[in-house]
Amino acid sequence: VAPYSGAMLPTVARSGSAHRGWSRRQPRWQCRALPFGALIAALCVLDSRMTSLYPGYLYGVMAGATFSGRLARNEKGQLVAVASLATLLVSVGAWLLWVPISGFAAQPNPIFVLDLFENFLATLFMGGLVGLMISLVPLRFLPGEDLVKWSRNVWALIFGIVTFVFLEVQLRPQSASAHVSAV
């Protein structure tokens, strides 16, 4: 069982071990076999041998490491705050890179890789903002609840910044499609 089940911020689950190290709490790990995974792997190896595919391949994960305990409420909230701020920084960094790249890509006959990189940066920026907007809503099944339980003020600050940036980008007054032409 993972220490955190939030689907929107997967980095939180992977950073639990590092956070416990910073807080001087020793993580306890245990290995457990996944019998169904071992059965699938055995069937795949048997199939590869019967069809003369060499070397035989192995499919599935047969062991996993899990925390034996759960994170405390304050640890969950702190991890959500750190992951949210990191996502916001990556998103804003992508936007800062996108601004000059979009100028170069707007030139006649741009390089395909430049167009691709421009679209990647725009997607990274908007995907990060939309993901944060959704994941920071304080519902029981979203990471925003853990942040609210830890500190309502920190949640309000992060959610406010994300909402402001999101709305500022979505409601750009200089966008030509946002204005109705005066005839």
C-alpha atoms as a PDB file:
ATOM      1  CA  VAL A   1       0.000   0.000   0.000  1.00  0.00           C
ATOM      2  CA  ALA A   2       1.472   3.327  -1.044  1.00  0.00           C
ATOM      3  CA  PRO A   3       1.883   6.002   1.629  1.00  0.00           C
ATOM      4  CA  TYR A   4      -0.295   8.417  -0.332  1.00  0.00           C
ATOM      5  CA  SER A   5      -3.080   7.633  -2.725  1.00  0.00           C
ATOM      6  CA  GLY A   6      -3.507  10.999  -4.483  1.00  0.00           C
ATOM      7  CA  ALA A   7      -3.679  10.473  -8.223  1.00  0.00           C
ATOM      8  CA  MET A   8      -3.018  14.096  -9.177  1.00  0.00           C
ATOM      9  CA  LEU A   9       0.349  14.467  -7.488  1.00  0.00           C
ATOM     10  CA  PRO A  10       2.222  11.200  -7.991  1.00  0.00           C
ATOM     11  CA  THR A  11       5.502  12.720  -6.838  1.00  0.00           C
ATOM     12  CA  VAL A  12       4.109  12.858  -3.311  1.00  0.00           C
ATOM     13  CA  ALA A  13       4.027   9.078  -3.052  1.00  0.00           C
ATOM     14  CA  ARG A  14       7.594   8.699  -4.238  1.00  0.00           C
ATOM     15  CA  SER A  15       8.963  11.461  -2.024  1.00  0.00           C
ATOM     16  CA  GLY A  16       7.573   9.974   1.192  1.00  0.00           C
ATOM     17  CA  SER A  17      10.805   8.134   1.904  1.00  0.00           C
ATOM     18  CA  ALA A  18      12.906  11.265   1.414  1.00  0.00           C
ATOM     19  CA  HIS A  19      10.594  13.270   3.667  1.00  0.00           C
ATOM     20  CA  ARG A  20      10.863  10.680   6.413  1.00  0.00           C
ATOM     21  CA  GLY A  21      14.639  10.902   6.095  1.00  0.00           C
ATOM     22  CA  TRP A  22      14.537  14.693   6.460  1.00  0.00           C
ATOM     23  CA  SER A  23      12.282  14.439   9.482  1.00  0.00           C
ATOM     24  CA  ARG A  24      14.633  11.867  11.034  1.00  0.00           C
ATOM     25  CA  ARG A  25      12.006   9.133  10.973  1.00  0.00           C
ATOM     26  CA  GLN A  26      13.294   5.800   9.799  1.00  0.00           C
ATOM     27  CA  PRO A  27      11.143   4.273   7.060  1.00  0.00           C
ATOM     28  CA  ARG A  28      10.363   0.612   7.474  1.00  0.00           C
ATOM     29  CA  TRP A  29      10.280  -1.385   4.274  1.00  0.00           C
ATOM     30  CA  GLN A  30       8.972  -4.835   3.651  1.00  0.00           C
ATOM     31  CA  CYS A  31       9.105  -6.945   0.539  1.00  0.00           C
ATOM     32  CA  ARG A  32       6.108  -8.957  -0.442  1.00  0.00           C
ATOM     33  CA  ALA A  33       5.647 -11.397  -3.277  1.00  0.00           C
ATOM     34  CA  LEU A  34       2.883 -10.858  -5.777  1.00  0.00           C
ATOM     35  CA  PRO A  35       1.721 -14.398  -6.583  1.00  0.00           C
ATOM     36  CA  PHE A  36      -0.502 -13.381  -9.502  1.00  0.00           C
ATOM     37  CA  GLY A  37       2.432 -11.502 -11.049  1.00  0.00           C
ATOM     38  CA  ALA A  38       4.609 -14.585 -10.662  1.00  0.00           C
ATOM     39  CA  LEU A  39       1.929 -16.697 -12.351  1.00  0.00           C
ATOM     40  CA  ILE A  40       1.699 -14.285 -15.310  1.00  0.00           C
ATOM     41  CA  ALA A  41       5.499 -14.221 -15.600  1.00  0.00           C
ATOM     42  CA  ALA A  42       5.662 -18.016 -15.596  1.00  0.00           C
ATOM     43  CA  LEU A  43       2.976 -18.218 -18.301  1.00  0.00           C
ATOM     44  CA  CYS A  44       4.821 -15.673 -20.445  1.00  0.00           C
ATOM     45  CA  VAL A  45       8.111 -17.561 -20.125  1.00  0.00           C
ATOM     46  CA  LEU A  46       6.318 -20.824 -20.962  1.00  0.00           C
ATOM     47  CA  ASP A  47       4.745 -19.156 -24.014  1.00  0.00           C
ATOM     48  CA  SER A  48       8.097 -17.811 -25.197  1.00  0.00           C
ATOM     49  CA  ARG A  49       9.692 -21.263 -24.848  1.00  0.00           C
ATOM     50  CA  MET A  50       6.863 -22.990 -26.715  1.00  0.00           C
ATOM     51  CA  THR A  51       7.083 -20.502 -29.597  1.00  0.00           C
ATOM     52  CA  SER A  52      10.908 -20.686 -29.662  1.00  0.00           C
ATOM     53  CA  LEU A  53      11.460 -17.076 -28.718  1.00  0.00           C
ATOM     54  CA  TYR A  54      14.891 -16.879 -27.101  1.00  0.00           C
ATOM     55  CA  PRO A  55      15.747 -15.563 -24.610  1.00  0.00           C
ATOM     56  CA  GLY A  56      12.504 -15.996 -22.720  1.00  0.00           C
ATOM     57  CA  TYR A  57      10.978 -12.780 -21.436  1.00  0.00           C
ATOM     58  CA  LEU A  58       9.627 -11.995 -18.023  1.00  0.00           C
ATOM     59  CA  TYR A  59       6.442  -9.969 -17.641  1.00  0.00           C
ATOM     60  CA  GLY A  60       5.146  -8.297 -14.511  1.00  0.00           C
ATOM     61  CA  VAL A  61       6.463  -7.143 -11.214  1.00  0.00           C
ATOM     62  CA  MET A  62       6.954  -9.979  -8.766  1.00  0.00           C
ATOM     63  CA  ALA A  63       7.905  -8.069  -5.653  1.00  0.00           C
ATOM     64  CA  GLY A  64       7.132  -4.661  -4.276  1.00  0.00           C
ATOM     65  CA  ALA A  65       8.361  -2.506  -1.428  1.00  0.00           C
ATOM     66  CA  THR A  66       5.842  -0.700   0.728  1.00  0.00           C
ATOM     67  CA  PHE A  67       5.777   1.417   3.833  1.00  0.00           C
ATOM     68  CA  SER A  68       4.577  -0.495   6.828  1.00  0.00           C
ATOM     69  CA  GLY A  69       3.129   2.666   8.338  1.00  0.00           C
ATOM     70  CA  ARG A  70       1.295   5.753   7.153  1.00  0.00           C
ATOM     71  CA  LEU A  71       2.433   9.344   6.940  1.00  0.00           C
ATOM     72  CA  ALA A  72       1.201  11.686   9.639  1.00  0.00           C
ATOM     73  CA  ARG A  73      -1.330  14.379   8.675  1.00  0.00           C
ATOM     74  CA  ASN A  74       1.256  17.165   8.854  1.00  0.00           C
ATOM     75  CA  GLU A  75       3.693  15.155   6.709  1.00  0.00           C
ATOM     76  CA  LYS A  76       1.041  14.603   4.039  1.00  0.00           C
ATOM     77  CA  GLY A  77       0.194  18.298   4.003  1.00  0.00           C
ATOM     78  CA  GLN A  78       3.827  19.343   3.794  1.00  0.00           C
ATOM     79  CA  LEU A  79       4.459  16.930   0.917  1.00  0.00           C
ATOM     80  CA  VAL A  80       1.430  18.224  -0.984  1.00  0.00           C
ATOM     81  CA  ALA A  81       2.628  21.813  -0.449  1.00  0.00           C
ATOM     82  CA  VAL A  82       6.154  21.033  -1.667  1.00  0.00           C
ATOM     83  CA  ALA A  83       4.908  19.040  -4.668  1.00  0.00           C
ATOM     84  CA  SER A  84       2.405  21.780  -5.567  1.00  0.00           C
ATOM     85  CA  LEU A  85       5.037  24.499  -5.406  1.00  0.00           C
ATOM     86  CA  ALA A  86       7.447  22.391  -7.461  1.00  0.00           C
ATOM     87  CA  THR A  87       4.757  21.811 -10.085  1.00  0.00           C
ATOM     88  CA  LEU A  88       3.975  25.529 -10.142  1.00  0.00           C
ATOM     89  CA  LEU A  89       7.673  26.387 -10.562  1.00  0.00           C
ATOM     90  CA  VAL A  90       8.069  23.923 -13.437  1.00  0.00           C
ATOM     91  CA  SER A  91       4.924  25.303 -15.086  1.00  0.00           C
ATOM     92  CA  VAL A  92       6.024  28.923 -14.786  1.00  0.00           C
ATOM     93  CA  GLY A  93       9.522  27.960 -15.967  1.00  0.00           C
ATOM     94  CA  ALA A  94       7.969  26.332 -19.036  1.00  0.00           C
ATOM     95  CA  TRP A  95       6.034  29.529 -19.701  1.00  0.00           C
ATOM     96  CA  LEU A  96       9.170  31.660 -19.341  1.00  0.00           C
ATOM     97  CA  LEU A  97      10.901  29.418 -21.893  1.00  0.00           C
ATOM     98  CA  TRP A  98       7.829  29.412 -24.133  1.00  0.00           C
ATOM     99  CA  VAL A  99       7.766  33.206 -24.566  1.00  0.00           C
ATOM    100  CA  PRO A 100      11.026  33.507 -26.580  1.00  0.00           C
ATOM    101  CA  ILE A 101      10.570  30.143 -28.309  1.00  0.00           C
ATOM    102  CA  SER A 102       7.120  31.157 -29.595  1.00  0.00           C
ATOM    103  CA  GLY A 103       8.674  34.262 -31.137  1.00  0.00           C
ATOM    104  CA  PHE A 104      11.175  32.157 -33.055  1.00  0.00           C
ATOM    105  CA  ALA A 105       8.493  29.639 -34.035  1.00  0.00           C
ATOM    106  CA  ALA A 106       6.303  32.453 -35.416  1.00  0.00           C
ATOM    107  CA  GLN A 107       8.904  33.242 -38.092  1.00  0.00           C
ATOM    108  CA  PRO A 108       8.154  32.063 -41.636  1.00  0.00           C
ATOM    109  CA  ASN A 109       9.102  28.406 -42.256  1.00  0.00           C
ATOM    110  CA  PRO A 110      10.042  27.449 -38.679  1.00  0.00           C
ATOM    111  CA  ILE A 111      11.982  24.304 -37.886  1.00  0.00           C
ATOM    112  CA  PHE A 112       9.706  21.380 -37.004  1.00  0.00           C
ATOM    113  CA  VAL A 113      11.597  20.668 -33.771  1.00  0.00           C
ATOM    114  CA  LEU A 114      11.102  24.284 -32.708  1.00  0.00           C
ATOM    115  CA  ASP A 115       7.339  24.020 -33.261  1.00  0.00           C
ATOM    116  CA  LEU A 116       7.308  20.741 -31.371  1.00  0.00           C
ATOM    117  CA  PHE A 117       9.257  22.241 -28.456  1.00  0.00           C
ATOM    118  CA  GLU A 118       6.938  25.272 -28.377  1.00  0.00           C
ATOM    119  CA  ASN A 119       3.896  23.006 -28.137  1.00  0.00           C
ATOM    120  CA  PHE A 120       5.579  20.882 -25.471  1.00  0.00           C
ATOM    121  CA  LEU A 121       6.279  23.948 -23.324  1.00  0.00           C
ATOM    122  CA  ALA A 122       2.726  25.245 -23.736  1.00  0.00           C
ATOM    123  CA  THR A 123       1.329  21.843 -22.804  1.00  0.00           C
ATOM    124  CA  LEU A 124       3.627  21.571 -19.791  1.00  0.00           C
ATOM    125  CA  PHE A 125       2.547  25.016 -18.609  1.00  0.00           C
ATOM    126  CA  MET A 126      -1.193  24.531 -19.028  1.00  0.00           C
ATOM    127  CA  GLY A 127      -1.134  20.899 -17.901  1.00  0.00           C
ATOM    128  CA  GLY A 128       0.641  21.862 -14.699  1.00  0.00           C
ATOM    129  CA  LEU A 129      -1.791  24.684 -13.971  1.00  0.00           C
ATOM    130  CA  VAL A 130      -4.909  22.664 -14.723  1.00  0.00           C
ATOM    131  CA  GLY A 131      -3.586  19.711 -12.728  1.00  0.00           C
ATOM    132  CA  LEU A 132      -2.903  21.966  -9.754  1.00  0.00           C
ATOM    133  CA  MET A 133      -6.301  23.662 -10.013  1.00  0.00           C
ATOM    134  CA  ILE A 134      -8.043  20.303  -9.858  1.00  0.00           C
ATOM    135  CA  SER A 135      -5.812  18.565  -7.325  1.00  0.00           C
ATOM    136  CA  LEU A 136      -5.859  21.433  -4.826  1.00  0.00           C
ATOM    137  CA  VAL A 137      -9.646  21.402  -4.481  1.00  0.00           C
ATOM    138  CA  PRO A 138     -10.169  20.238  -0.879  1.00  0.00           C
ATOM    139  CA  LEU A 139     -12.181  17.087  -1.540  1.00  0.00           C
ATOM    140  CA  ARG A 140     -11.711  13.833   0.343  1.00  0.00           C
ATOM    141  CA  PHE A 141     -10.144  11.982  -2.590  1.00  0.00           C
ATOM    142  CA  LEU A 142      -7.837  14.820  -3.749  1.00  0.00           C
ATOM    143  CA  PRO A 143      -4.511  15.985  -2.282  1.00  0.00           C
ATOM    144  CA  GLY A 144      -5.976  19.414  -1.513  1.00  0.00           C
ATOM    145  CA  GLU A 145      -7.743  17.951   1.514  1.00  0.00           C
ATOM    146  CA  ASP A 146      -4.434  16.927   3.104  1.00  0.00           C
ATOM    147  CA  LEU A 147      -3.088  20.430   2.558  1.00  0.00           C
ATOM    148  CA  VAL A 148      -6.183  22.047   4.104  1.00  0.00           C
ATOM    149  CA  LYS A 149      -5.980  19.725   7.110  1.00  0.00           C
ATOM    150  CA  TRP A 150      -2.350  20.675   7.634  1.00  0.00           C
ATOM    151  CA  SER A 151      -2.649  24.435   7.067  1.00  0.00           C
ATOM    152  CA  ARG A 152      -5.626  26.306   5.690  1.00  0.00           C
ATOM    153  CA  ASN A 153      -3.475  29.431   5.229  1.00  0.00           C
ATOM    154  CA  VAL A 154      -0.848  27.640   3.126  1.00  0.00           C
ATOM    155  CA  TRP A 155      -3.612  26.031   1.058  1.00  0.00           C
ATOM    156  CA  ALA A 156      -5.264  29.428   0.480  1.00  0.00           C
ATOM    157  CA  LEU A 157      -1.948  30.969  -0.542  1.00  0.00           C
ATOM    158  CA  ILE A 158      -0.993  28.210  -3.001  1.00  0.00           C
ATOM    159  CA  PHE A 159      -4.512  27.839  -4.391  1.00  0.00           C
ATOM    160  CA  GLY A 160      -4.817  31.609  -4.737  1.00  0.00           C
ATOM    161  CA  ILE A 161      -1.546  31.893  -6.665  1.00  0.00           C
ATOM    162  CA  VAL A 162      -2.467  29.001  -8.960  1.00  0.00           C
ATOM    163  CA  THR A 163      -5.961  30.420  -9.553  1.00  0.00           C
ATOM    164  CA  PHE A 164      -4.585  33.882 -10.305  1.00  0.00           C
ATOM    165  CA  VAL A 165      -2.020  32.572 -12.806  1.00  0.00           C
ATOM    166  CA  PHE A 166      -4.606  30.282 -14.413  1.00  0.00           C
ATOM    167  CA  LEU A 167      -7.195  33.041 -14.807  1.00  0.00           C
ATOM    168  CA  GLU A 168      -4.593  35.563 -15.985  1.00  0.00           C
ATOM    169  CA  VAL A 169      -3.557  33.203 -18.777  1.00  0.00           C
ATOM    170  CA  GLN A 170      -7.107  32.236 -19.715  1.00  0.00           C
ATOM    171  CA  LEU A 171      -8.423  35.810 -19.774  1.00  0.00           C
ATOM    172  CA  ARG A 172      -5.655  37.491 -21.746  1.00  0.00           C
ATOM    173  CA  PRO A 173      -7.069  40.839 -22.858  1.00  0.00           C
ATOM    174  CA  GLN A 174      -4.609  41.116 -25.758  1.00  0.00           C
ATOM    175  CA  SER A 175      -5.970  37.941 -27.361  1.00  0.00           C
ATOM    176  CA  ALA A 176      -7.642  38.802 -30.655  1.00  0.00           C
ATOM    177  CA  SER A 177     -10.271  36.071 -30.312  1.00  0.00           C
ATOM    178  CA  ALA A 178     -11.415  37.512 -26.972  1.00  0.00           C
ATOM    179  CA  HIS A 179     -12.644  40.765 -28.505  1.00  0.00           C
ATOM    180  CA  VAL A 180     -15.739  41.336 -30.543  1.00  0.00           C
ATOM    181  CA  SER A 181     -14.994  43.506 -33.528  1.00  0.00           C
ATOM    182  CA  ALA A 182     -16.741  46.869 -33.673  1.00  0.00           C
ATOM    183  CA  VAL A 183     -18.458  47.310 -37.023  1.00  0.00           C
END
